[in-house]
Structures are given as C-alpha cells and as structure tokens.
Amino acid sequence: MPQKYSLFAACRDEYDRVVFNLLLQTGLRMSEAMYLDWKHVDFDSKILKVREERKSGKKIKDRAERSVPIPNDLIELLKTWKDKHPTMKLAIGTENDTPNKKLLRTLKRVTTAAKLHCGQCDGCKSKSKECSLWYLHKFRATYTTTLLRNGVDIGTVMEYTGHSDMTTTMRYLRPAESEMMQSKISSISWV
C-alpha cells in the first residue's frame, strides 16, 4: 500500500485509525468488517472469528467461517476502542450501532485531506479529485502480500483470507523489484 504511514498520520479521527488498522492487519473484506460483532473478537486468544451469522441475512463470500490472528498492537487498539464504546455490539459500527456502509467515503475523505493522490488517474483528474488508487480492497491486498512476503505459507494465507482456491491467493505473489528482494536473492548460496 503506497504511503500507508502517511495515511495513518492523516487520520485525525480515532475511528478512522481503528477502521484502517483493522482492515490492514486482518485482511477482512469490507462487508466482514462492517458486520464484525465484538463477540467474535477473542481478546485473550488474540483471534478474530469471521462468522456467517448476520441479522441482515447477507452471506459472507467464499469460505465464510475462519479464524484470523490479531497482532498485539491491534489488540490494544481494539480494547481501547471497545472500552470507550461499551454498549456497541459492532466493532466499527455507526453511532447507532448499525453497519457503516460509508467506509469507502471515509477512506476517500482521509486520502484527499492528506493529499495522497497519484495525480494521474481519472479520479485525480475529475472534479472530486478522489484518487482511484485508494480503495478498501487495497488493505486486504496489502495484508495478503505482506503475509506471503514474510514467509507465511500459502495454505495458511488462504485460510486467513478465506480464499477458496490457490489461484486467488497466488495473484498476490508478484515478483518484487525491491532492494529487499535483491538482497535475499544475492544471499542465496547458489554453488
């Protein structure tokens, strides 16, 4: 995700930081995050449970039910958020405790305010000046790529993301053109 630290620095609202960290560090789909109930966040085991049950009746895509580990810093952020909103059932719901269906609008607002634009896409050139390179699935893609590039095996990544086939997960294994990858390749004992 380009300029991810600039994005988080641009978050003036604690809610935005909670939402974007949740998406980035768990790889949840937008609808999974919108409907995430606190009862599916196990703070002791540091596990987030994606479950099929929803009041709306809307189903989760692919392999619906899965458990995703929650990094320590996200656990602390979520605990603090929950303590400040003890009556809320949804982790990132609206003030009325309903699913927030305007998460993309929130992302566009933050990236626009932070001037995190590419300046080249149709969105940047439009009247709204909303860069097309910023979209909610980018957090999920970054999560998946980060796991794969840090040595998490593809089967585990499939389980955490809920991908039902390896082809979907493999899309995130694009060749890296970075100094880090050059260093890794150079460190291999070829002979």
C-alpha atoms as a PDB file:
ATOM      1  CA  MET A   1       0.000   0.000   0.000  1.00  0.00           C
ATOM      2  CA  PRO A   2       1.704   3.223  -1.059  1.00  0.00           C
ATOM      3  CA  GLN A   3       2.263   5.813   1.625  1.00  0.00           C
ATOM      4  CA  LYS A   4       0.481   3.745   4.295  1.00  0.00           C
ATOM      5  CA  TYR A   5       2.233   5.614   7.085  1.00  0.00           C
ATOM      6  CA  SER A   6       1.139   8.923   5.577  1.00  0.00           C
ATOM      7  CA  LEU A   7      -2.420   7.600   5.543  1.00  0.00           C
ATOM      8  CA  PHE A   8      -2.340   6.767   9.246  1.00  0.00           C
ATOM      9  CA  ALA A   9      -0.667  10.090  10.066  1.00  0.00           C
ATOM     10  CA  ALA A  10      -3.506  11.829   8.202  1.00  0.00           C
ATOM     11  CA  CYS A  11      -6.179  10.160  10.334  1.00  0.00           C
ATOM     12  CA  ARG A  12      -7.468  12.895  12.613  1.00  0.00           C
ATOM     13  CA  ASP A  13     -10.212  10.696  13.989  1.00  0.00           C
ATOM     14  CA  GLU A  14      -9.608   7.687  16.260  1.00  0.00           C
ATOM     15  CA  TYR A  15     -12.417   5.837  14.477  1.00  0.00           C
ATOM     16  CA  ASP A  16     -10.566   6.130  11.157  1.00  0.00           C
ATOM     17  CA  ARG A  17      -7.375   4.719  12.696  1.00  0.00           C
ATOM     18  CA  VAL A  18      -9.322   1.805  14.184  1.00  0.00           C
ATOM     19  CA  VAL A  19     -11.056   1.034  10.882  1.00  0.00           C
ATOM     20  CA  PHE A  20      -7.926   1.241   8.712  1.00  0.00           C
ATOM     21  CA  ASN A  21      -5.794  -0.745  11.173  1.00  0.00           C
ATOM     22  CA  LEU A  22      -8.478  -3.416  11.417  1.00  0.00           C
ATOM     23  CA  LEU A  23      -8.646  -3.741   7.631  1.00  0.00           C
ATOM     24  CA  LEU A  24      -4.869  -3.696   7.171  1.00  0.00           C
ATOM     25  CA  GLN A  25      -3.963  -6.095   9.974  1.00  0.00           C
ATOM     26  CA  THR A  26      -6.719  -8.695   9.497  1.00  0.00           C
ATOM     27  CA  GLY A  27      -7.381  -8.658   5.753  1.00  0.00           C
ATOM     28  CA  LEU A  28     -11.133  -8.540   6.282  1.00  0.00           C
ATOM     29  CA  ARG A  29     -13.387  -7.842   3.348  1.00  0.00           C
ATOM     30  CA  MET A  30     -15.370  -4.621   3.646  1.00  0.00           C
ATOM     31  CA  SER A  31     -18.624  -6.432   4.461  1.00  0.00           C
ATOM     32  CA  GLU A  32     -16.886  -8.661   7.024  1.00  0.00           C
ATOM     33  CA  ALA A  33     -15.517  -5.570   8.790  1.00  0.00           C
ATOM     34  CA  MET A  34     -18.838  -3.712   8.614  1.00  0.00           C
ATOM     35  CA  TYR A  35     -20.664  -6.557  10.368  1.00  0.00           C
ATOM     36  CA  LEU A  36     -17.889  -7.554  12.802  1.00  0.00           C
ATOM     37  CA  ASP A  37     -19.534  -8.182  16.163  1.00  0.00           C
ATOM     38  CA  TRP A  38     -17.470  -7.787  19.342  1.00  0.00           C
ATOM     39  CA  LYS A  39     -18.475 -11.308  20.394  1.00  0.00           C
ATOM     40  CA  HIS A  40     -16.259 -12.569  17.537  1.00  0.00           C
ATOM     41  CA  VAL A  41     -13.157 -10.802  18.829  1.00  0.00           C
ATOM     42  CA  ASP A  42     -11.381 -13.013  21.361  1.00  0.00           C
ATOM     43  CA  PHE A  43      -9.044 -10.641  23.209  1.00  0.00           C
ATOM     44  CA  ASP A  44      -7.470 -13.388  25.319  1.00  0.00           C
ATOM     45  CA  SER A  45      -6.611 -15.695  22.408  1.00  0.00           C
ATOM     46  CA  LYS A  46      -5.968 -12.744  20.071  1.00  0.00           C
ATOM     47  CA  ILE A  47      -8.235 -14.294  17.452  1.00  0.00           C
ATOM     48  CA  LEU A  48     -10.876 -12.676  15.266  1.00  0.00           C
ATOM     49  CA  LYS A  49     -13.601 -15.086  14.186  1.00  0.00           C
ATOM     50  CA  VAL A  50     -15.280 -14.405  10.873  1.00  0.00           C
ATOM     51  CA  ARG A  51     -18.711 -15.979  11.150  1.00  0.00           C
ATOM     52  CA  GLU A  52     -21.642 -16.496   8.821  1.00  0.00           C
ATOM     53  CA  GLU A  53     -24.385 -15.312  11.174  1.00  0.00           C
ATOM     54  CA  ARG A  54     -25.792 -11.876  10.379  1.00  0.00           C
ATOM     55  CA  LYS A  55     -29.045 -10.163  11.191  1.00  0.00           C
ATOM     56  CA  SER A  56     -29.211  -8.897   7.615  1.00  0.00           C
ATOM     57  CA  GLY A  57     -29.115 -12.428   6.238  1.00  0.00           C
ATOM     58  CA  LYS A  58     -26.316 -11.432   3.852  1.00  0.00           C
ATOM     59  CA  LYS A  59     -23.787 -14.228   3.353  1.00  0.00           C
ATOM     60  CA  ILE A  60     -20.010 -13.932   3.557  1.00  0.00           C
ATOM     61  CA  LYS A  61     -18.115 -14.662   0.350  1.00  0.00           C
ATOM     62  CA  ASP A  62     -16.193 -17.922  -0.272  1.00  0.00           C
ATOM     63  CA  ARG A  63     -15.154 -19.902   2.805  1.00  0.00           C
ATOM     64  CA  ALA A  64     -17.209 -17.962   5.284  1.00  0.00           C
ATOM     65  CA  GLU A  65     -16.084 -19.092   8.670  1.00  0.00           C
ATOM     66  CA  ARG A  66     -12.474 -18.747   9.689  1.00  0.00           C
ATOM     67  CA  SER A  67     -10.248 -17.508  12.485  1.00  0.00           C
ATOM     68  CA  VAL A  68      -7.644 -14.809  11.952  1.00  0.00           C
ATOM     69  CA  PRO A  69      -4.843 -13.951  14.385  1.00  0.00           C
ATOM     70  CA  ILE A  70      -4.840 -10.366  15.649  1.00  0.00           C
ATOM     71  CA  PRO A  71      -1.451  -8.627  16.083  1.00  0.00           C
ATOM     72  CA  ASN A  72      -0.680  -7.288  19.567  1.00  0.00           C
ATOM     73  CA  ASP A  73      -0.851  -3.606  18.621  1.00  0.00           C
ATOM     74  CA  LEU A  74      -4.263  -4.108  17.003  1.00  0.00           C
ATOM     75  CA  ILE A  75      -5.500  -5.994  20.079  1.00  0.00           C
ATOM     76  CA  GLU A  76      -4.588  -2.996  22.236  1.00  0.00           C
ATOM     77  CA  LEU A  77      -6.208  -0.543  19.816  1.00  0.00           C
ATOM     78  CA  LEU A  78      -9.415  -2.614  19.708  1.00  0.00           C
ATOM     79  CA  LYS A  79      -9.524  -2.994  23.523  1.00  0.00           C
ATOM     80  CA  THR A  80      -9.224   0.763  23.939  1.00  0.00           C
ATOM     81  CA  TRP A  81     -11.919   1.362  21.314  1.00  0.00           C
ATOM     82  CA  LYS A  82     -14.274  -1.175  22.907  1.00  0.00           C
ATOM     83  CA  ASP A  83     -13.722   0.298  26.386  1.00  0.00           C
ATOM     84  CA  LYS A  84     -14.710   3.721  25.043  1.00  0.00           C
ATOM     85  CA  HIS A  85     -17.868   2.277  23.419  1.00  0.00           C
ATOM     86  CA  PRO A  86     -19.066  -0.403  25.876  1.00  0.00           C
ATOM     87  CA  THR A  87     -22.671  -0.551  24.633  1.00  0.00           C
ATOM     88  CA  MET A  88     -21.792  -1.098  20.962  1.00  0.00           C
ATOM     89  CA  LYS A  89     -22.221  -4.598  19.548  1.00  0.00           C
ATOM     90  CA  LEU A  90     -20.477  -3.895  16.239  1.00  0.00           C
ATOM     91  CA  ALA A  91     -16.734  -3.245  16.375  1.00  0.00           C
ATOM     92  CA  ILE A  92     -16.778  -0.457  13.780  1.00  0.00           C
ATOM     93  CA  GLY A  93     -20.451   0.327  13.512  1.00  0.00           C
ATOM     94  CA  THR A  94     -22.050   3.745  13.314  1.00  0.00           C
ATOM     95  CA  GLU A  95     -23.117   5.761  16.364  1.00  0.00           C
ATOM     96  CA  ASN A  96     -26.471   3.921  16.097  1.00  0.00           C
ATOM     97  CA  ASP A  97     -24.634   0.557  16.161  1.00  0.00           C
ATOM     98  CA  THR A  98     -25.515  -0.262  12.562  1.00  0.00           C
ATOM     99  CA  PRO A  99     -23.055  -1.369   9.846  1.00  0.00           C
ATOM    100  CA  ASN A 100     -21.092   1.589   8.487  1.00  0.00           C
ATOM    101  CA  LYS A 101     -21.690   1.419   4.750  1.00  0.00           C
ATOM    102  CA  LYS A 102     -19.631   4.563   4.110  1.00  0.00           C
ATOM    103  CA  LEU A 103     -16.149   3.170   4.785  1.00  0.00           C
ATOM    104  CA  LEU A 104     -15.003   3.943   1.237  1.00  0.00           C
ATOM    105  CA  ARG A 105     -16.221   7.531   1.629  1.00  0.00           C
ATOM    106  CA  THR A 106     -14.174   7.730   4.855  1.00  0.00           C
ATOM    107  CA  LEU A 107     -11.049   6.463   3.081  1.00  0.00           C
ATOM    108  CA  LYS A 108     -11.507   8.925   0.205  1.00  0.00           C
ATOM    109  CA  ARG A 109     -12.001  11.793   2.678  1.00  0.00           C
ATOM    110  CA  VAL A 110      -8.797  10.968   4.567  1.00  0.00           C
ATOM    111  CA  THR A 111      -6.660  10.423   1.458  1.00  0.00           C
ATOM    112  CA  THR A 112      -7.968  13.624  -0.124  1.00  0.00           C
ATOM    113  CA  ALA A 113      -7.291  15.654   3.024  1.00  0.00           C
ATOM    114  CA  ALA A 114      -3.772  14.180   3.202  1.00  0.00           C
ATOM    115  CA  LYS A 115      -3.174  14.865  -0.499  1.00  0.00           C
ATOM    116  CA  LEU A 116      -2.286  11.223  -1.103  1.00  0.00           C
ATOM    117  CA  HIS A 117      -3.080  11.368  -4.815  1.00  0.00           C
ATOM    118  CA  CYS A 118      -1.252   9.891  -7.751  1.00  0.00           C
ATOM    119  CA  GLY A 119      -2.237  12.882  -9.875  1.00  0.00           C
ATOM    120  CA  GLN A 120      -2.535  10.667 -12.950  1.00  0.00           C
ATOM    121  CA  CYS A 121      -5.704   8.572 -12.671  1.00  0.00           C
ATOM    122  CA  ASP A 122      -9.180   9.547 -13.861  1.00  0.00           C
ATOM    123  CA  GLY A 123     -10.262  10.102 -10.241  1.00  0.00           C
ATOM    124  CA  CYS A 124      -7.467  12.605  -9.611  1.00  0.00           C
ATOM    125  CA  LYS A 125      -8.334  14.443 -12.809  1.00  0.00           C
ATOM    126  CA  SER A 126     -12.054  14.546 -12.005  1.00  0.00           C
ATOM    127  CA  LYS A 127     -13.879  17.322 -10.205  1.00  0.00           C
ATOM    128  CA  SER A 128     -13.885  15.313  -6.952  1.00  0.00           C
ATOM    129  CA  LYS A 129     -10.086  14.803  -7.029  1.00  0.00           C
ATOM    130  CA  GLU A 130     -10.530  11.374  -5.416  1.00  0.00           C
ATOM    131  CA  CYS A 131      -7.625   9.140  -6.401  1.00  0.00           C
ATOM    132  CA  SER A 132      -8.715   5.811  -7.890  1.00  0.00           C
ATOM    133  CA  LEU A 133      -5.666   4.094  -6.405  1.00  0.00           C
ATOM    134  CA  TRP A 134      -7.221   4.253  -2.937  1.00  0.00           C
ATOM    135  CA  TYR A 135      -9.953   1.662  -2.403  1.00  0.00           C
ATOM    136  CA  LEU A 136     -10.864  -0.558   0.549  1.00  0.00           C
ATOM    137  CA  HIS A 137      -9.716  -3.823  -1.031  1.00  0.00           C
ATOM    138  CA  LYS A 138      -6.196  -2.331  -1.100  1.00  0.00           C
ATOM    139  CA  PHE A 139      -5.951  -3.076   2.645  1.00  0.00           C
ATOM    140  CA  ARG A 140      -6.838  -6.727   2.007  1.00  0.00           C
ATOM    141  CA  ALA A 141      -4.358  -6.956  -0.861  1.00  0.00           C
ATOM    142  CA  THR A 142      -1.629  -5.424   1.297  1.00  0.00           C
ATOM    143  CA  TYR A 143      -2.423  -7.846   4.127  1.00  0.00           C
ATOM    144  CA  THR A 144      -2.196 -10.834   1.797  1.00  0.00           C
ATOM    145  CA  THR A 145       1.000  -9.651   0.106  1.00  0.00           C
ATOM    146  CA  THR A 146       2.598  -8.844   3.472  1.00  0.00           C
ATOM    147  CA  LEU A 147       1.877 -12.325   4.823  1.00  0.00           C
ATOM    148  CA  LEU A 148       3.255 -14.009   1.706  1.00  0.00           C
ATOM    149  CA  ARG A 149       6.396 -11.838   1.577  1.00  0.00           C
ATOM    150  CA  ASN A 150       7.074 -12.535   5.237  1.00  0.00           C
ATOM    151  CA  GLY A 151       7.156 -16.292   4.767  1.00  0.00           C
ATOM    152  CA  VAL A 152       3.626 -17.311   5.777  1.00  0.00           C
ATOM    153  CA  ASP A 153       2.831 -20.399   3.708  1.00  0.00           C
ATOM    154  CA  ILE A 154       0.178 -20.120   1.023  1.00  0.00           C
ATOM    155  CA  GLY A 155      -2.204 -22.575   2.711  1.00  0.00           C
ATOM    156  CA  THR A 156      -2.228 -20.514   5.894  1.00  0.00           C
ATOM    157  CA  VAL A 157      -2.727 -17.303   3.912  1.00  0.00           C
ATOM    158  CA  MET A 158      -5.673 -18.931   2.121  1.00  0.00           C
ATOM    159  CA  GLU A 159      -7.160 -19.890   5.485  1.00  0.00           C
ATOM    160  CA  TYR A 160      -6.732 -16.394   6.988  1.00  0.00           C
ATOM    161  CA  THR A 161      -8.126 -14.623   3.933  1.00  0.00           C
ATOM    162  CA  GLY A 162     -10.913 -17.096   3.269  1.00  0.00           C
ATOM    163  CA  HIS A 163      -9.780 -17.677  -0.313  1.00  0.00           C
ATOM    164  CA  SER A 164     -11.307 -20.871  -1.650  1.00  0.00           C
ATOM    165  CA  ASP A 165      -8.675 -21.516  -4.313  1.00  0.00           C
ATOM    166  CA  MET A 166      -4.931 -21.100  -4.595  1.00  0.00           C
ATOM    167  CA  THR A 167      -5.171 -19.083  -7.837  1.00  0.00           C
ATOM    168  CA  THR A 168      -6.807 -16.203  -5.985  1.00  0.00           C
ATOM    169  CA  THR A 169      -4.057 -16.117  -3.366  1.00  0.00           C
ATOM    170  CA  MET A 170      -1.301 -16.534  -5.972  1.00  0.00           C
ATOM    171  CA  ARG A 171      -2.291 -13.218  -7.598  1.00  0.00           C
ATOM    172  CA  TYR A 172      -0.551 -11.527  -4.689  1.00  0.00           C
ATOM    173  CA  LEU A 173       2.772 -13.246  -5.382  1.00  0.00           C
ATOM    174  CA  ARG A 174       4.006 -10.796  -7.971  1.00  0.00           C
ATOM    175  CA  PRO A 175       7.766 -10.561  -8.394  1.00  0.00           C
ATOM    176  CA  ALA A 176       9.279  -7.995  -6.111  1.00  0.00           C
ATOM    177  CA  GLU A 177      11.520  -5.346  -7.593  1.00  0.00           C
ATOM    178  CA  SER A 178      12.906  -4.058  -4.348  1.00  0.00           C
ATOM    179  CA  GLU A 179      16.278  -3.868  -2.667  1.00  0.00           C
ATOM    180  CA  MET A 180      14.993  -6.328  -0.063  1.00  0.00           C
ATOM    181  CA  MET A 181      14.314  -8.980  -2.694  1.00  0.00           C
ATOM    182  CA  GLN A 182      17.639  -8.261  -4.411  1.00  0.00           C
ATOM    183  CA  SER A 183      19.356  -8.779  -1.060  1.00  0.00           C
ATOM    184  CA  LYS A 184      17.515 -12.064  -0.478  1.00  0.00           C
ATOM    185  CA  ILE A 185      18.426 -13.357  -3.936  1.00  0.00           C
ATOM    186  CA  SER A 186      22.052 -12.285  -3.513  1.00  0.00           C
ATOM    187  CA  SER A 187      22.312 -14.058  -0.146  1.00  0.00           C
ATOM    188  CA  ILE A 188      21.429 -17.481  -1.608  1.00  0.00           C
ATOM    189  CA  SER A 189      24.377 -19.839  -1.855  1.00  0.00           C
ATOM    190  CA  TRP A 190      23.976 -20.904  -5.485  1.00  0.00           C
ATOM    191  CA  VAL A 191      27.048 -23.121  -5.733  1.00  0.00           C
END
